[in-house]
């Protein structure tokens, strides 16, 4: 009987916080908290749960797994891609910005159409964002010392702004965007026991 009760408690804790009426262990956060982990999927799921309390542990793990797969296919750091999506929408597939950006990756409707992406399908949008960011990183890799920062600037302000300013444009919104994503990237990397595949650089905006 005691073993059965422990199993039931663990199962309900793993399902916390959904369904909301379940008599789960108070404060049980078996993915959100704990020591450093070996898998980027767990580190990313932890970051998702700490950022968006509306997402369940199972949902966070599913989204984190897709993030890792898509990032590796695009030759990106999974932690980098996750940090970007956290900044864009906190992994909310229903997010709509005041400017009209849609979904988990905050595609503008025209950009989503050009990329052949359904912005409200989180897995389609994750794959589309990884392809776009990966393309930017490759395009800027031979010209800039930190192509990830420039890729983020292109994602935020557009590649035209990057071309006009020969790098990250001096827009306050874009500078803050890149800085916050680098902070998120480093935080996710810090959840992992082993060094990340692509560790974040220390990016500092130009004065």
C-alpha atoms as a PDB file:
ATOM      1  CA  UNK A   1       0.000   0.000   0.000  1.00  0.00           C
ATOM      2  CA  UNK A   2       2.821   2.439   0.867  1.00  0.00           C
ATOM      3  CA  UNK A   3       4.586   1.757  -2.454  1.00  0.00           C
ATOM      4  CA  UNK A   4       1.326   2.278  -4.339  1.00  0.00           C
ATOM      5  CA  UNK A   5       0.827   5.614  -2.600  1.00  0.00           C
ATOM      6  CA  UNK A   6       4.360   6.741  -3.480  1.00  0.00           C
ATOM      7  CA  UNK A   7       3.836   5.747  -7.123  1.00  0.00           C
ATOM      8  CA  UNK A   8       0.563   7.656  -7.211  1.00  0.00           C
ATOM      9  CA  UNK A   9       2.178  10.712  -5.654  1.00  0.00           C
ATOM     10  CA  UNK A  10       5.022  10.656  -8.190  1.00  0.00           C
ATOM     11  CA  UNK A  11       2.593  10.262 -11.081  1.00  0.00           C
ATOM     12  CA  UNK A  12       0.455  13.169  -9.944  1.00  0.00           C
ATOM     13  CA  UNK A  13       3.521  15.297  -9.312  1.00  0.00           C
ATOM     14  CA  UNK A  14       4.758  14.602 -12.830  1.00  0.00           C
ATOM     15  CA  UNK A  15       1.389  15.715 -14.175  1.00  0.00           C
ATOM     16  CA  UNK A  16       1.350  18.915 -12.101  1.00  0.00           C
ATOM     17  CA  UNK A  17      -0.150  21.481 -12.632  1.00  0.00           C
ATOM     18  CA  UNK A  18      -2.647  19.796 -14.975  1.00  0.00           C
ATOM     19  CA  UNK A  19      -5.312  18.772 -14.314  1.00  0.00           C
ATOM     20  CA  UNK A  20      -5.696  21.566 -11.812  1.00  0.00           C
ATOM     21  CA  UNK A  21      -7.979  19.554  -9.511  1.00  0.00           C
ATOM     22  CA  UNK A  22      -5.584  16.651  -9.023  1.00  0.00           C
ATOM     23  CA  UNK A  23      -4.361  16.165  -5.454  1.00  0.00           C
ATOM     24  CA  UNK A  24      -0.713  16.488  -6.445  1.00  0.00           C
ATOM     25  CA  UNK A  25       2.180  17.074  -4.085  1.00  0.00           C
ATOM     26  CA  UNK A  26       2.177  20.723  -3.076  1.00  0.00           C
ATOM     27  CA  UNK A  27       5.011  22.516  -4.844  1.00  0.00           C
ATOM     28  CA  UNK A  28       6.311  19.413  -6.630  1.00  0.00           C
ATOM     29  CA  UNK A  29       8.338  20.633  -9.598  1.00  0.00           C
ATOM     30  CA  UNK A  30      10.375  17.644 -10.666  1.00  0.00           C
ATOM     31  CA  UNK A  31      11.542  19.160 -13.945  1.00  0.00           C
ATOM     32  CA  UNK A  32      11.571  22.818 -13.009  1.00  0.00           C
ATOM     33  CA  UNK A  33      13.886  22.312 -10.034  1.00  0.00           C
ATOM     34  CA  UNK A  34      16.808  20.062  -9.260  1.00  0.00           C
ATOM     35  CA  UNK A  35      20.514  19.655  -9.968  1.00  0.00           C
ATOM     36  CA  UNK A  36      22.258  20.211 -13.274  1.00  0.00           C
ATOM     37  CA  UNK A  37      21.173  17.858 -16.027  1.00  0.00           C
ATOM     38  CA  UNK A  38      22.857  15.946 -18.825  1.00  0.00           C
ATOM     39  CA  UNK A  39      20.308  16.472 -21.600  1.00  0.00           C
ATOM     40  CA  UNK A  40      19.581  19.804 -23.303  1.00  0.00           C
ATOM     41  CA  UNK A  41      15.948  18.729 -23.587  1.00  0.00           C
ATOM     42  CA  UNK A  42      15.607  18.782 -19.788  1.00  0.00           C
ATOM     43  CA  UNK A  43      17.472  22.088 -19.473  1.00  0.00           C
ATOM     44  CA  UNK A  44      15.219  23.694 -22.072  1.00  0.00           C
ATOM     45  CA  UNK A  45      12.076  22.225 -20.506  1.00  0.00           C
ATOM     46  CA  UNK A  46      13.190  23.680 -17.177  1.00  0.00           C
ATOM     47  CA  UNK A  47      13.604  27.102 -18.754  1.00  0.00           C
ATOM     48  CA  UNK A  48      10.176  26.862 -20.392  1.00  0.00           C
ATOM     49  CA  UNK A  49       8.480  25.936 -17.113  1.00  0.00           C
ATOM     50  CA  UNK A  50      10.208  28.722 -15.226  1.00  0.00           C
ATOM     51  CA  UNK A  51       9.137  31.252 -17.853  1.00  0.00           C
ATOM     52  CA  UNK A  52       5.599  30.152 -18.674  1.00  0.00           C
ATOM     53  CA  UNK A  53       3.569  28.623 -15.820  1.00  0.00           C
ATOM     54  CA  UNK A  54       0.697  27.870 -18.214  1.00  0.00           C
ATOM     55  CA  UNK A  55       2.662  25.056 -19.859  1.00  0.00           C
ATOM     56  CA  UNK A  56       2.622  21.618 -18.255  1.00  0.00           C
ATOM     57  CA  UNK A  57       5.752  19.544 -17.681  1.00  0.00           C
ATOM     58  CA  UNK A  58       4.724  17.140 -20.437  1.00  0.00           C
ATOM     59  CA  UNK A  59       4.108  20.009 -22.843  1.00  0.00           C
ATOM     60  CA  UNK A  60       7.437  21.620 -21.975  1.00  0.00           C
ATOM     61  CA  UNK A  61       9.292  18.362 -22.606  1.00  0.00           C
ATOM     62  CA  UNK A  62       7.567  17.905 -25.962  1.00  0.00           C
ATOM     63  CA  UNK A  63       8.404  21.425 -27.075  1.00  0.00           C
ATOM     64  CA  UNK A  64      11.963  21.134 -25.758  1.00  0.00           C
ATOM     65  CA  UNK A  65      12.488  17.897 -27.673  1.00  0.00           C
ATOM     66  CA  UNK A  66      11.284  19.512 -30.900  1.00  0.00           C
ATOM     67  CA  UNK A  67      13.554  22.492 -30.243  1.00  0.00           C
ATOM     68  CA  UNK A  68      16.611  20.264 -29.920  1.00  0.00           C
ATOM     69  CA  UNK A  69      15.793  18.289 -33.082  1.00  0.00           C
ATOM     70  CA  UNK A  70      15.092  21.400 -35.164  1.00  0.00           C
ATOM     71  CA  UNK A  71      18.159  23.248 -33.884  1.00  0.00           C
ATOM     72  CA  UNK A  72      20.498  20.389 -34.689  1.00  0.00           C
ATOM     73  CA  UNK A  73      19.033  20.032 -38.171  1.00  0.00           C
ATOM     74  CA  UNK A  74      19.770  23.728 -38.713  1.00  0.00           C
ATOM     75  CA  UNK A  75      23.262  23.421 -37.144  1.00  0.00           C
ATOM     76  CA  UNK A  76      22.252  25.715 -34.309  1.00  0.00           C
ATOM     77  CA  UNK A  77      22.744  25.518 -30.577  1.00  0.00           C
ATOM     78  CA  UNK A  78      19.520  24.114 -29.089  1.00  0.00           C
ATOM     79  CA  UNK A  79      19.968  26.476 -26.153  1.00  0.00           C
ATOM     80  CA  UNK A  80      20.280  29.432 -28.541  1.00  0.00           C
ATOM     81  CA  UNK A  81      17.088  28.520 -30.368  1.00  0.00           C
ATOM     82  CA  UNK A  82      15.261  27.944 -27.078  1.00  0.00           C
ATOM     83  CA  UNK A  83      16.410  31.300 -25.696  1.00  0.00           C
ATOM     84  CA  UNK A  84      15.114  33.022 -28.824  1.00  0.00           C
ATOM     85  CA  UNK A  85      11.698  31.365 -28.618  1.00  0.00           C
ATOM     86  CA  UNK A  86      11.471  32.124 -24.899  1.00  0.00           C
ATOM     87  CA  UNK A  87      12.076  35.781 -25.662  1.00  0.00           C
ATOM     88  CA  UNK A  88       9.650  35.817 -28.574  1.00  0.00           C
ATOM     89  CA  UNK A  89       6.641  34.196 -26.935  1.00  0.00           C
ATOM     90  CA  UNK A  90       7.598  32.249 -23.776  1.00  0.00           C
ATOM     91  CA  UNK A  91       6.734  29.202 -25.918  1.00  0.00           C
ATOM     92  CA  UNK A  92       3.086  30.269 -26.169  1.00  0.00           C
ATOM     93  CA  UNK A  93       1.742  28.952 -29.504  1.00  0.00           C
ATOM     94  CA  UNK A  94      -1.239  31.327 -29.263  1.00  0.00           C
ATOM     95  CA  UNK A  95       0.806  34.501 -28.761  1.00  0.00           C
ATOM     96  CA  UNK A  96      -0.144  37.553 -30.835  1.00  0.00           C
ATOM     97  CA  UNK A  97       1.890  40.744 -30.484  1.00  0.00           C
ATOM     98  CA  UNK A  98       0.571  44.279 -30.762  1.00  0.00           C
ATOM     99  CA  UNK A  99       2.419  44.511 -34.084  1.00  0.00           C
ATOM    100  CA  UNK A 100       0.609  41.442 -35.427  1.00  0.00           C
ATOM    101  CA  UNK A 101       3.347  38.841 -34.995  1.00  0.00           C
ATOM    102  CA  UNK A 102       1.857  35.394 -34.559  1.00  0.00           C
ATOM    103  CA  UNK A 103       2.490  32.210 -32.653  1.00  0.00           C
ATOM    104  CA  UNK A 104       5.358  30.624 -30.806  1.00  0.00           C
ATOM    105  CA  UNK A 105       8.055  32.083 -33.091  1.00  0.00           C
ATOM    106  CA  UNK A 106       6.263  35.411 -33.665  1.00  0.00           C
ATOM    107  CA  UNK A 107       6.236  35.336 -37.441  1.00  0.00           C
ATOM    108  CA  UNK A 108       4.616  38.226 -39.236  1.00  0.00           C
ATOM    109  CA  UNK A 109       1.913  36.884 -41.569  1.00  0.00           C
ATOM    110  CA  UNK A 110       3.848  37.740 -44.729  1.00  0.00           C
ATOM    111  CA  UNK A 111       7.042  36.184 -43.401  1.00  0.00           C
ATOM    112  CA  UNK A 112       5.167  33.041 -42.433  1.00  0.00           C
ATOM    113  CA  UNK A 113       3.657  32.827 -45.918  1.00  0.00           C
ATOM    114  CA  UNK A 114       7.070  33.306 -47.550  1.00  0.00           C
ATOM    115  CA  UNK A 115       8.546  30.586 -45.337  1.00  0.00           C
ATOM    116  CA  UNK A 116       5.613  28.233 -45.876  1.00  0.00           C
ATOM    117  CA  UNK A 117       4.957  28.088 -42.142  1.00  0.00           C
ATOM    118  CA  UNK A 118       1.727  27.875 -40.178  1.00  0.00           C
ATOM    119  CA  UNK A 119       2.576  30.345 -37.382  1.00  0.00           C
ATOM    120  CA  UNK A 120      -0.002  28.841 -35.017  1.00  0.00           C
ATOM    121  CA  UNK A 121       1.343  25.297 -35.390  1.00  0.00           C
ATOM    122  CA  UNK A 122       4.091  25.335 -32.743  1.00  0.00           C
ATOM    123  CA  UNK A 123       6.108  22.509 -34.293  1.00  0.00           C
ATOM    124  CA  UNK A 124       5.885  23.910 -37.815  1.00  0.00           C
ATOM    125  CA  UNK A 125       6.806  27.357 -36.500  1.00  0.00           C
ATOM    126  CA  UNK A 126       9.732  26.026 -34.462  1.00  0.00           C
ATOM    127  CA  UNK A 127      11.109  24.301 -37.540  1.00  0.00           C
ATOM    128  CA  UNK A 128      10.615  27.455 -39.604  1.00  0.00           C
ATOM    129  CA  UNK A 129      12.340  29.655 -37.035  1.00  0.00           C
ATOM    130  CA  UNK A 130      15.284  27.274 -36.799  1.00  0.00           C
ATOM    131  CA  UNK A 131      15.692  27.276 -40.592  1.00  0.00           C
ATOM    132  CA  UNK A 132      15.536  31.061 -40.711  1.00  0.00           C
ATOM    133  CA  UNK A 133      17.967  31.609 -37.841  1.00  0.00           C
ATOM    134  CA  UNK A 134      20.297  28.913 -39.137  1.00  0.00           C
ATOM    135  CA  UNK A 135      20.314  30.573 -42.550  1.00  0.00           C
ATOM    136  CA  UNK A 136      21.145  33.921 -40.995  1.00  0.00           C
ATOM    137  CA  UNK A 137      23.968  32.468 -38.881  1.00  0.00           C
ATOM    138  CA  UNK A 138      25.497  30.806 -41.955  1.00  0.00           C
ATOM    139  CA  UNK A 139      25.075  33.951 -44.074  1.00  0.00           C
ATOM    140  CA  UNK A 140      26.760  36.180 -41.499  1.00  0.00           C
ATOM    141  CA  UNK A 141      29.381  33.683 -40.358  1.00  0.00           C
ATOM    142  CA  UNK A 142      32.106  34.791 -42.738  1.00  0.00           C
ATOM    143  CA  UNK A 143      31.618  38.495 -42.167  1.00  0.00           C
ATOM    144  CA  UNK A 144      31.027  39.002 -38.451  1.00  0.00           C
ATOM    145  CA  UNK A 145      32.859  37.721 -35.399  1.00  0.00           C
ATOM    146  CA  UNK A 146      29.576  36.841 -33.697  1.00  0.00           C
ATOM    147  CA  UNK A 147      27.085  35.787 -36.364  1.00  0.00           C
ATOM    148  CA  UNK A 148      24.548  34.735 -33.718  1.00  0.00           C
ATOM    149  CA  UNK A 149      24.065  38.324 -32.546  1.00  0.00           C
ATOM    150  CA  UNK A 150      23.695  39.514 -36.127  1.00  0.00           C
ATOM    151  CA  UNK A 151      21.274  36.679 -36.882  1.00  0.00           C
ATOM    152  CA  UNK A 152      19.126  37.749 -33.939  1.00  0.00           C
ATOM    153  CA  UNK A 153      19.208  41.330 -35.173  1.00  0.00           C
ATOM    154  CA  UNK A 154      18.014  40.160 -38.575  1.00  0.00           C
ATOM    155  CA  UNK A 155      15.234  38.127 -36.964  1.00  0.00           C
ATOM    156  CA  UNK A 156      14.143  41.128 -34.903  1.00  0.00           C
ATOM    157  CA  UNK A 157      14.743  44.115 -37.199  1.00  0.00           C
ATOM    158  CA  UNK A 158      15.071  42.450 -40.583  1.00  0.00           C
ATOM    159  CA  UNK A 159      18.094  41.670 -42.772  1.00  0.00           C
ATOM    160  CA  UNK A 160      17.708  45.044 -44.466  1.00  0.00           C
ATOM    161  CA  UNK A 161      18.531  46.831 -41.212  1.00  0.00           C
ATOM    162  CA  UNK A 162      21.563  44.585 -40.728  1.00  0.00           C
ATOM    163  CA  UNK A 163      22.770  45.416 -44.243  1.00  0.00           C
ATOM    164  CA  UNK A 164      22.228  49.153 -43.704  1.00  0.00           C
ATOM    165  CA  UNK A 165      24.229  49.227 -40.472  1.00  0.00           C
ATOM    166  CA  UNK A 166      26.737  46.502 -41.377  1.00  0.00           C
ATOM    167  CA  UNK A 167      25.856  44.503 -38.288  1.00  0.00           C
ATOM    168  CA  UNK A 168      23.508  44.824 -35.339  1.00  0.00           C
ATOM    169  CA  UNK A 169      21.589  48.085 -35.856  1.00  0.00           C
ATOM    170  CA  UNK A 170      21.692  50.608 -33.019  1.00  0.00           C
ATOM    171  CA  UNK A 171      17.981  50.349 -32.297  1.00  0.00           C
ATOM    172  CA  UNK A 172      17.351  50.176 -28.554  1.00  0.00           C
ATOM    173  CA  UNK A 173      14.734  47.447 -29.015  1.00  0.00           C
ATOM    174  CA  UNK A 174      17.117  45.298 -31.059  1.00  0.00           C
ATOM    175  CA  UNK A 175      20.077  45.832 -28.725  1.00  0.00           C
ATOM    176  CA  UNK A 176      17.944  44.854 -25.738  1.00  0.00           C
ATOM    177  CA  UNK A 177      16.530  41.883 -27.659  1.00  0.00           C
ATOM    178  CA  UNK A 178      19.972  40.470 -28.412  1.00  0.00           C
ATOM    179  CA  UNK A 179      21.226  41.100 -24.871  1.00  0.00           C
ATOM    180  CA  UNK A 180      18.258  39.407 -23.201  1.00  0.00           C
ATOM    181  CA  UNK A 181      18.488  36.372 -25.480  1.00  0.00           C
ATOM    182  CA  UNK A 182      22.166  36.001 -24.677  1.00  0.00           C
ATOM    183  CA  UNK A 183      21.304  36.108 -20.976  1.00  0.00           C
ATOM    184  CA  UNK A 184      18.640  33.446 -21.464  1.00  0.00           C
ATOM    185  CA  UNK A 185      21.048  31.351 -23.526  1.00  0.00           C
ATOM    186  CA  UNK A 186      23.675  31.439 -20.786  1.00  0.00           C
ATOM    187  CA  UNK A 187      21.050  30.604 -18.142  1.00  0.00           C
ATOM    188  CA  UNK A 188      19.865  27.525 -20.031  1.00  0.00           C
ATOM    189  CA  UNK A 189      23.466  26.463 -20.565  1.00  0.00           C
ATOM    190  CA  UNK A 190      23.963  26.836 -16.819  1.00  0.00           C
ATOM    191  CA  UNK A 191      21.308  24.200 -16.150  1.00  0.00           C
ATOM    192  CA  UNK A 192      23.466  21.602 -17.885  1.00  0.00           C
ATOM    193  CA  UNK A 193      26.186  19.550 -16.284  1.00  0.00           C
ATOM    194  CA  UNK A 194      28.357  19.317 -19.391  1.00  0.00           C
ATOM    195  CA  UNK A 195      29.435  22.139 -21.700  1.00  0.00           C
ATOM    196  CA  UNK A 196      26.903  22.929 -24.411  1.00  0.00           C
ATOM    197  CA  UNK A 197      27.572  21.942 -28.018  1.00  0.00           C
ATOM    198  CA  UNK A 198      27.752  25.631 -28.948  1.00  0.00           C
ATOM    199  CA  UNK A 199      28.505  27.694 -25.833  1.00  0.00           C
ATOM    200  CA  UNK A 200      27.252  31.305 -25.846  1.00  0.00           C
ATOM    201  CA  UNK A 201      29.706  34.090 -26.475  1.00  0.00           C
ATOM    202  CA  UNK A 202      29.829  37.201 -24.322  1.00  0.00           C
ATOM    203  CA  UNK A 203      28.110  39.696 -26.602  1.00  0.00           C
ATOM    204  CA  UNK A 204      28.297  43.375 -25.761  1.00  0.00           C
ATOM    205  CA  UNK A 205      26.567  46.044 -27.827  1.00  0.00           C
ATOM    206  CA  UNK A 206      28.617  48.776 -29.362  1.00  0.00           C
ATOM    207  CA  UNK A 207      28.617  51.979 -27.295  1.00  0.00           C
END
